[in-house]
Amino acid sequence: MRKPEKIIVIRNDKLGDFMLAWPSFALLRSALPDTEIHALVPSYTRPIADLCSYLDATLEDPGRNSGWTGFRQLTAALNDQHYDAAITLFSTGRIGAAVRAAGIPYRLAPATKLAQLCYNHRELQRRSKSEKPEWLYNVDLIRRFLQDWDVACPAIPHPPYLEFNTHELDTLAAQFYAKHRLPSENRLIFIHPGSGGSANNLQPEQFAALAFALRTVRPITFVVSAGPSEAQLAKQLADLLKKHQLSTCVYVSEEGLISFTQHLMLAYVFISGSTGPLHIAGALNLRTVGFYPSKRSSTSLRWQTLSEPARRLAFSPPESFDDTNMLNVDIETAAATISESFLAPPIPDAE
């Protein structure tokens, strides 16, 4: 079988879901270095999709609210590209109908719901059981695709999956420290209290208690990060941190997703609930601390970050309690684990 010349990979849902597709893009690029790889994404994730070095181009999904007109536009855009294959990492009936109507010869998706009838290749996954990470479910579809096309499957590339120019980051760091009048020796611990409508997050009082309980030999400043609609929540948490006399500043993202992502690179540790910014931090291979509900669809296994294992921690309520009530998270244990794993002094080399 000839190798495919042009592929569209579809992951057009939320930001966090999209970030967990990056190992799939990396694997596909590694296996097919000369193939043109596109991604179908919604408008709000497109800026960061355009940063992905594994992709040659992105197509914008008009979205389900665009009605029949948007569906026709999407179908026409897919048809105009003459794709050899479509790999839909998470399918809906609308997307399934569009790739079929576009006449894409090879169409692969998970074998779930009625949408699978639009595909001529299907992979049984049962994601609802949450038996493996979401990013690995995505990778399994790429492996199936490569098998179908008789292409050798290489090892999954290691993180980071997203990187920035070091000189630009040094400049940004200098500007950030100067703007907030921070001592240059302070490490920055980002706390993102917003959820963006994703899984339940800790309350501001819990984040404040966590910050107060952290122990480190290096001076630190807590950066409370937020999207434009979360400024009030960020201020609430920052006020609580300052009451504990902790060095604190607020960073509200007002210059778009790319600027926000670059600022995350300043974080020595990034702490949040299971939401989009946490998974951006994972793609950057930052030290991540995620707080997850215990219910099966939202577990820390299913939605683990892309950071290397030694650079990620996860905490949830005990299974014996209400699995969605984040008030049941053991904050003291979390603080002790974070301190020991990320903030304790390194063990001296043996002489």
Protein backbone atom coordinates (compact mmCIF):
# COMPACT_ATOMS: atom_id res chain seq x y z
CA MET A 1 0.00 0.00 0.00
CA ARG A 2 1.28 3.48 -0.84
CA LYS A 3 1.87 5.86 2.00
CA PRO A 4 -0.80 8.52 2.55
CA GLU A 5 0.08 11.93 1.15
CA LYS A 6 -2.33 14.03 3.22
CA ILE A 7 -4.13 13.26 6.51
CA ILE A 8 -6.63 15.16 8.63
CA VAL A 9 -6.64 14.42 12.38
CA ILE A 10 -9.73 15.59 14.24
CA ARG A 11 -9.84 16.61 17.89
CA ASN A 12 -12.25 19.52 17.94
CA ASP A 13 -13.52 19.58 21.52
CA LYS A 14 -12.12 21.38 24.59
CA LEU A 15 -8.61 22.78 25.05
CA GLY A 16 -7.47 20.11 27.50
CA ASP A 17 -8.72 17.33 25.21
CA PHE A 18 -6.85 18.86 22.30
CA MET A 19 -3.58 19.12 24.22
CA LEU A 20 -3.80 15.41 25.04
CA ALA A 21 -3.75 14.71 21.28
CA TRP A 22 -0.19 16.06 20.86
CA PRO A 23 1.55 12.71 21.44
CA SER A 24 -0.64 11.39 18.60
CA PHE A 25 0.51 14.18 16.30
CA ALA A 26 4.12 13.53 17.34
CA LEU A 27 3.84 9.79 16.68
CA LEU A 28 2.20 10.32 13.31
CA ARG A 29 4.89 12.80 12.27
CA SER A 30 7.65 10.44 13.41
CA ALA A 31 6.16 7.56 11.40
CA LEU A 32 5.35 9.64 8.31
CA PRO A 33 7.87 12.50 8.06
CA ASP A 34 6.94 13.32 4.45
CA THR A 35 3.16 13.16 4.81
CA GLU A 36 1.14 16.36 5.06
CA ILE A 37 -0.68 16.34 8.41
CA HIS A 38 -3.56 18.69 9.17
CA ALA A 39 -5.76 19.05 12.24
CA LEU A 40 -9.40 20.11 12.51
CA VAL A 41 -9.90 22.31 15.58
CA PRO A 42 -12.37 24.89 16.92
CA SER A 43 -11.53 28.58 16.67
CA TYR A 44 -10.46 29.01 20.29
CA THR A 45 -7.80 26.28 20.20
CA ARG A 46 -6.53 27.18 16.75
CA PRO A 47 -3.85 29.64 17.95
CA ILE A 48 -2.11 26.96 19.98
CA ALA A 49 -2.71 24.34 17.27
CA ASP A 50 -0.81 26.60 14.89
CA LEU A 51 2.19 26.31 17.24
CA CYS A 52 2.29 22.52 16.91
CA SER A 53 5.47 21.58 15.06
CA TYR A 54 4.03 18.19 14.08
CA LEU A 55 1.26 19.76 11.99
CA ASP A 56 1.52 21.33 8.55
CA ALA A 57 -1.80 23.18 8.71
CA THR A 58 -5.01 23.57 10.70
CA LEU A 59 -8.62 23.77 9.57
CA GLU A 60 -11.19 25.62 11.65
CA ASP A 61 -14.41 23.81 12.53
CA PRO A 62 -17.39 26.18 12.27
CA GLY A 63 -18.89 24.35 15.26
CA ARG A 64 -22.15 22.61 15.95
CA ASN A 65 -23.96 25.92 16.49
CA SER A 66 -23.28 26.97 12.90
CA GLY A 67 -26.16 24.81 11.68
CA TRP A 68 -26.61 23.52 8.17
CA THR A 69 -24.60 26.36 6.65
CA GLY A 70 -21.60 25.54 8.83
CA PHE A 71 -21.91 21.84 8.05
CA ARG A 72 -21.81 22.55 4.32
CA GLN A 73 -18.80 24.83 4.78
CA LEU A 74 -16.98 22.15 6.76
CA THR A 75 -17.77 19.44 4.22
CA ALA A 76 -16.61 21.66 1.35
CA ALA A 77 -13.36 22.54 3.16
CA LEU A 78 -12.61 18.86 3.79
CA ASN A 79 -13.47 17.95 0.21
CA ASP A 80 -11.25 20.69 -1.24
CA GLN A 81 -8.18 19.27 0.53
CA HIS A 82 -8.46 15.80 -1.07
CA TYR A 83 -7.37 13.95 2.05
CA ASP A 84 -6.32 10.33 1.78
CA ALA A 85 -7.40 9.66 5.35
CA ALA A 86 -9.27 11.11 8.31
CA ILE A 87 -8.46 10.03 11.87
CA THR A 88 -11.13 11.21 14.27
CA LEU A 89 -9.82 10.92 17.83
CA PHE A 90 -13.20 11.82 19.32
CA SER A 91 -16.20 11.60 17.03
CA THR A 92 -19.68 13.06 16.96
CA GLY A 93 -22.45 12.45 14.48
CA ARG A 94 -21.87 15.84 12.85
CA ILE A 95 -18.16 15.20 12.30
CA GLY A 96 -18.75 11.65 11.13
CA ALA A 97 -21.29 12.83 8.58
CA ALA A 98 -18.94 15.57 7.38
CA VAL A 99 -15.92 13.32 6.73
CA ARG A 100 -18.16 10.82 4.96
CA ALA A 101 -19.88 13.46 2.87
CA ALA A 102 -16.44 14.85 1.93
CA GLY A 103 -15.63 11.51 0.32
CA ILE A 104 -12.43 10.86 2.30
CA PRO A 105 -11.47 7.29 1.30
CA TYR A 106 -10.09 6.08 4.65
CA ARG A 107 -12.02 7.11 7.77
CA LEU A 108 -11.04 5.88 11.24
CA ALA A 109 -12.73 6.60 14.58
CA PRO A 110 -13.52 4.90 17.89
CA ALA A 111 -16.30 2.32 17.59
CA THR A 112 -18.78 4.20 19.75
CA LYS A 113 -22.33 5.46 19.32
CA LEU A 114 -24.12 5.95 16.01
CA ALA A 115 -21.29 8.15 14.69
CA GLN A 116 -19.24 5.01 14.00
CA LEU A 117 -21.55 4.19 11.09
CA CYS A 118 -19.95 7.05 9.15
CA TYR A 119 -16.52 5.40 9.27
CA ASN A 120 -15.18 2.47 7.26
CA HIS A 121 -12.53 1.72 9.88
CA ARG A 122 -13.26 1.52 13.61
CA GLU A 123 -11.28 0.80 16.76
CA LEU A 124 -13.04 -0.60 19.83
CA GLN A 125 -11.79 1.36 22.84
CA ARG A 126 -14.47 1.62 25.57
CA ARG A 127 -13.08 4.90 26.87
CA SER A 128 -15.93 5.15 29.37
CA LYS A 129 -14.13 2.54 31.47
CA SER A 130 -11.18 4.94 31.88
CA GLU A 131 -8.67 2.09 31.98
CA LYS A 132 -5.81 4.14 30.50
CA PRO A 133 -4.87 7.80 29.93
CA GLU A 134 -6.82 9.78 27.35
CA TRP A 135 -3.62 10.56 25.44
CA LEU A 136 -2.94 6.84 25.10
CA TYR A 137 -6.42 6.16 23.75
CA ASN A 138 -5.58 8.74 21.08
CA VAL A 139 -2.22 7.10 20.39
CA ASP A 140 -3.92 3.71 19.99
CA LEU A 141 -5.90 5.12 17.06
CA ILE A 142 -2.67 6.28 15.40
CA ARG A 143 -1.17 2.83 15.91
CA ARG A 144 -4.22 1.27 14.27
CA PHE A 145 -3.94 3.70 11.37
CA LEU A 146 -0.26 2.89 10.83
CA GLN A 147 -1.02 -0.82 10.96
CA ASP A 148 -3.77 -0.46 8.35
CA TRP A 149 -1.40 1.42 6.04
CA ASP A 150 1.46 -1.02 6.64
CA VAL A 151 3.70 1.68 8.15
CA ALA A 152 6.16 0.77 10.89
CA CYS A 153 5.16 2.27 14.24
CA PRO A 154 8.03 4.03 16.03
CA ALA A 155 8.27 4.69 19.76
CA ILE A 156 6.13 7.50 21.11
CA PRO A 157 8.24 10.69 21.21
CA HIS A 158 8.98 11.98 24.71
CA PRO A 159 7.80 15.31 26.14
CA PRO A 160 7.99 18.23 25.91
CA TYR A 161 5.62 18.38 22.95
CA LEU A 162 5.51 22.18 22.95
CA GLU A 163 8.59 24.41 23.26
CA PHE A 164 9.46 28.09 22.92
CA ASN A 165 12.58 30.04 22.05
CA THR A 166 14.81 30.25 25.14
CA HIS A 167 15.85 33.86 24.48
CA GLU A 168 12.21 34.99 24.23
CA LEU A 169 11.41 33.26 27.51
CA ASP A 170 14.37 34.89 29.26
CA THR A 171 13.11 38.27 28.11
CA LEU A 172 9.57 37.48 29.25
CA ALA A 173 10.82 36.33 32.66
CA ALA A 174 12.81 39.54 33.16
CA GLN A 175 9.75 41.63 32.25
CA PHE A 176 7.45 39.63 34.53
CA TYR A 177 9.77 39.85 37.54
CA ALA A 178 10.25 43.58 36.98
CA LYS A 179 6.53 44.29 36.53
CA HIS A 180 5.60 42.53 39.76
CA ARG A 181 8.73 43.67 41.65
CA LEU A 182 9.77 40.13 42.48
CA PRO A 183 13.20 39.14 43.80
CA SER A 184 15.12 37.40 41.06
CA GLU A 185 15.88 34.41 43.28
CA ASN A 186 12.19 33.58 43.87
CA ARG A 187 10.79 30.53 42.14
CA LEU A 188 7.26 30.95 40.76
CA ILE A 189 4.52 28.53 41.72
CA PHE A 190 1.47 29.07 39.56
CA ILE A 191 -1.96 28.28 40.98
CA HIS A 192 -4.89 28.34 38.55
CA PRO A 193 -8.15 28.31 40.53
CA GLY A 194 -10.53 28.48 37.55
CA SER A 195 -12.12 25.44 35.96
CA GLY A 196 -13.32 26.73 32.60
CA GLY A 197 -16.41 24.58 32.99
CA SER A 198 -14.32 21.39 33.23
CA ALA A 199 -14.01 19.04 36.21
CA ASN A 200 -14.61 20.33 39.75
CA ASN A 201 -11.77 22.34 41.25
CA LEU A 202 -10.62 23.12 44.78
CA GLN A 203 -12.11 26.09 46.58
CA PRO A 204 -9.93 29.20 47.00
CA GLU A 205 -9.65 28.46 50.73
CA GLN A 206 -8.25 25.00 49.93
CA PHE A 207 -5.67 26.41 47.52
CA ALA A 208 -4.66 28.95 50.18
CA ALA A 209 -4.29 26.23 52.82
CA LEU A 210 -2.22 24.18 50.38
CA ALA A 211 0.10 27.09 49.61
CA PHE A 212 0.57 27.88 53.30
CA ALA A 213 1.46 24.26 54.06
CA LEU A 214 4.15 23.95 51.36
CA ARG A 215 7.72 23.74 52.62
CA THR A 216 10.75 24.80 50.59
CA VAL A 217 14.30 25.97 51.22
CA ARG A 218 14.14 28.35 48.24
CA PRO A 219 12.04 31.54 48.37
CA ILE A 220 8.88 31.29 46.28
CA THR A 221 6.19 33.57 44.94
CA PHE A 222 2.70 32.32 44.21
CA VAL A 223 1.33 33.49 40.87
CA VAL A 224 -2.45 33.22 40.72
CA SER A 225 -3.26 32.79 37.03
CA ALA A 226 -6.64 33.32 35.42
CA GLY A 227 -8.47 33.83 32.17
CA PRO A 228 -10.21 37.16 31.51
CA SER A 229 -13.50 35.91 33.00
CA GLU A 230 -11.79 34.56 36.13
CA ALA A 231 -10.17 37.77 37.40
CA GLN A 232 -12.44 38.04 40.44
CA LEU A 233 -11.73 34.46 41.47
CA ALA A 234 -7.99 35.10 41.11
CA LYS A 235 -8.22 38.20 43.29
CA GLN A 236 -10.13 36.25 45.93
CA LEU A 237 -7.40 33.62 46.13
CA ALA A 238 -4.61 36.20 46.04
CA ASP A 239 -6.18 38.05 48.99
CA LEU A 240 -6.27 34.80 50.98
CA LEU A 241 -2.61 34.10 50.19
CA LYS A 242 -1.60 37.59 51.25
CA LYS A 243 -3.44 37.11 54.55
CA HIS A 244 -1.04 34.23 55.14
CA GLN A 245 1.77 36.72 54.37
CA LEU A 246 2.81 34.72 51.31
CA SER A 247 4.56 36.44 48.41
CA THR A 248 1.80 36.67 45.79
CA CYS A 249 0.94 38.28 42.48
CA VAL A 250 -1.92 37.92 40.01
CA TYR A 251 -1.56 37.17 36.32
CA VAL A 252 -4.75 37.59 34.29
CA SER A 253 -4.34 36.51 30.67
CA GLU A 254 -5.55 39.33 28.44
CA GLU A 255 -3.28 38.87 25.41
CA GLY A 256 -4.52 35.58 24.05
CA LEU A 257 -3.74 31.90 24.43
CA ILE A 258 -0.18 32.06 23.09
CA SER A 259 0.91 34.71 25.58
CA PHE A 260 -0.75 32.75 28.39
CA THR A 261 1.11 29.60 27.35
CA GLN A 262 4.43 31.44 27.26
CA HIS A 263 3.81 32.76 30.77
CA LEU A 264 3.21 29.21 32.00
CA MET A 265 6.81 28.44 31.06
CA LEU A 266 7.84 30.70 33.95
CA ALA A 267 6.29 28.27 36.44
CA TYR A 268 8.55 26.10 38.55
CA VAL A 269 5.38 24.20 39.52
CA PHE A 270 1.88 24.52 38.03
CA ILE A 271 -1.10 23.67 40.28
CA SER A 272 -4.75 23.47 39.19
CA GLY A 273 -7.78 21.30 38.74
CA SER A 274 -8.22 19.11 35.68
CA THR A 275 -8.65 21.84 33.11
CA GLY A 276 -7.12 23.16 29.87
CA PRO A 277 -4.21 25.12 31.41
CA LEU A 278 -3.09 22.03 33.35
CA HIS A 279 -2.80 20.09 30.10
CA ILE A 280 -0.94 22.93 28.38
CA ALA A 281 1.51 22.77 31.29
CA GLY A 282 1.83 19.03 30.73
CA ALA A 283 2.62 19.47 27.04
CA LEU A 284 5.38 21.87 28.15
CA ASN A 285 6.66 19.13 30.50
CA LEU A 286 6.33 21.39 33.54
CA ARG A 287 6.00 20.05 37.06
CA THR A 288 2.24 19.65 37.31
CA VAL A 289 -0.02 19.13 40.32
CA GLY A 290 -3.57 18.19 39.34
CA PHE A 291 -6.65 17.84 41.54
CA TYR A 292 -9.25 15.43 40.13
CA PRO A 293 -12.67 14.09 41.13
CA SER A 294 -12.68 10.36 41.80
CA LYS A 295 -15.58 9.51 39.50
CA ARG A 296 -14.63 7.15 36.68
CA SER A 297 -15.01 9.61 33.82
CA SER A 298 -12.72 12.18 35.50
CA THR A 299 -10.00 10.15 37.20
CA SER A 300 -6.37 11.19 37.45
CA LEU A 301 -5.42 8.14 35.36
CA ARG A 302 -7.75 9.03 32.47
CA TRP A 303 -6.79 12.71 32.48
CA GLN A 304 -3.16 12.56 33.57
CA THR A 305 -0.92 15.29 32.19
CA LEU A 306 1.70 14.77 29.50
CA SER A 307 4.58 15.64 31.82
CA GLU A 308 7.12 12.92 32.47
CA PRO A 309 6.04 10.66 35.38
CA ALA A 310 8.52 12.20 37.82
CA ARG A 311 7.18 15.66 36.97
CA ARG A 312 3.47 15.08 37.65
CA LEU A 313 1.42 14.61 40.82
CA ALA A 314 -2.30 13.99 41.19
CA PHE A 315 -4.71 14.11 44.12
CA SER A 316 -8.38 13.16 44.48
CA PRO A 317 -11.01 12.71 47.20
CA PRO A 318 -10.94 9.29 48.89
CA GLU A 319 -13.15 6.81 47.06
CA SER A 320 -15.08 6.18 50.27
CA PHE A 321 -16.37 9.77 50.15
CA ASP A 322 -18.46 11.63 47.58
CA ASP A 323 -16.27 11.23 44.50
CA THR A 324 -17.02 14.69 43.12
CA ASN A 325 -16.77 16.68 46.37
CA MET A 326 -13.34 18.28 46.24
CA LEU A 327 -13.71 19.41 49.86
CA ASN A 328 -12.73 15.84 50.76
CA VAL A 329 -9.22 16.17 49.28
CA ASP A 330 -6.54 15.77 51.95
CA ILE A 331 -4.75 19.11 51.62
CA GLU A 332 -2.09 18.38 54.25
CA THR A 333 -1.03 15.16 52.54
CA ALA A 334 -0.99 16.91 49.16
CA ALA A 335 1.20 19.72 50.51
CA ALA A 336 3.65 17.26 52.09
CA THR A 337 3.91 15.26 48.87
CA ILE A 338 4.42 18.35 46.70
CA SER A 339 7.06 19.68 49.10
CA GLU A 340 8.97 16.40 49.14
CA SER A 341 8.70 15.73 45.38
CA PHE A 342 9.25 19.20 43.92
CA LEU A 343 10.43 21.66 46.56
CA ALA A 344 12.81 19.72 48.85
CA PRO A 345 16.55 20.30 48.43
CA PRO A 346 18.30 17.78 46.17
CA ILE A 347 20.14 14.92 47.81
CA PRO A 348 23.91 15.57 47.61
CA ASP A 349 25.90 13.24 45.39
CA ALA A 350 27.71 10.51 47.27
CA GLU A 351 31.42 11.18 47.63
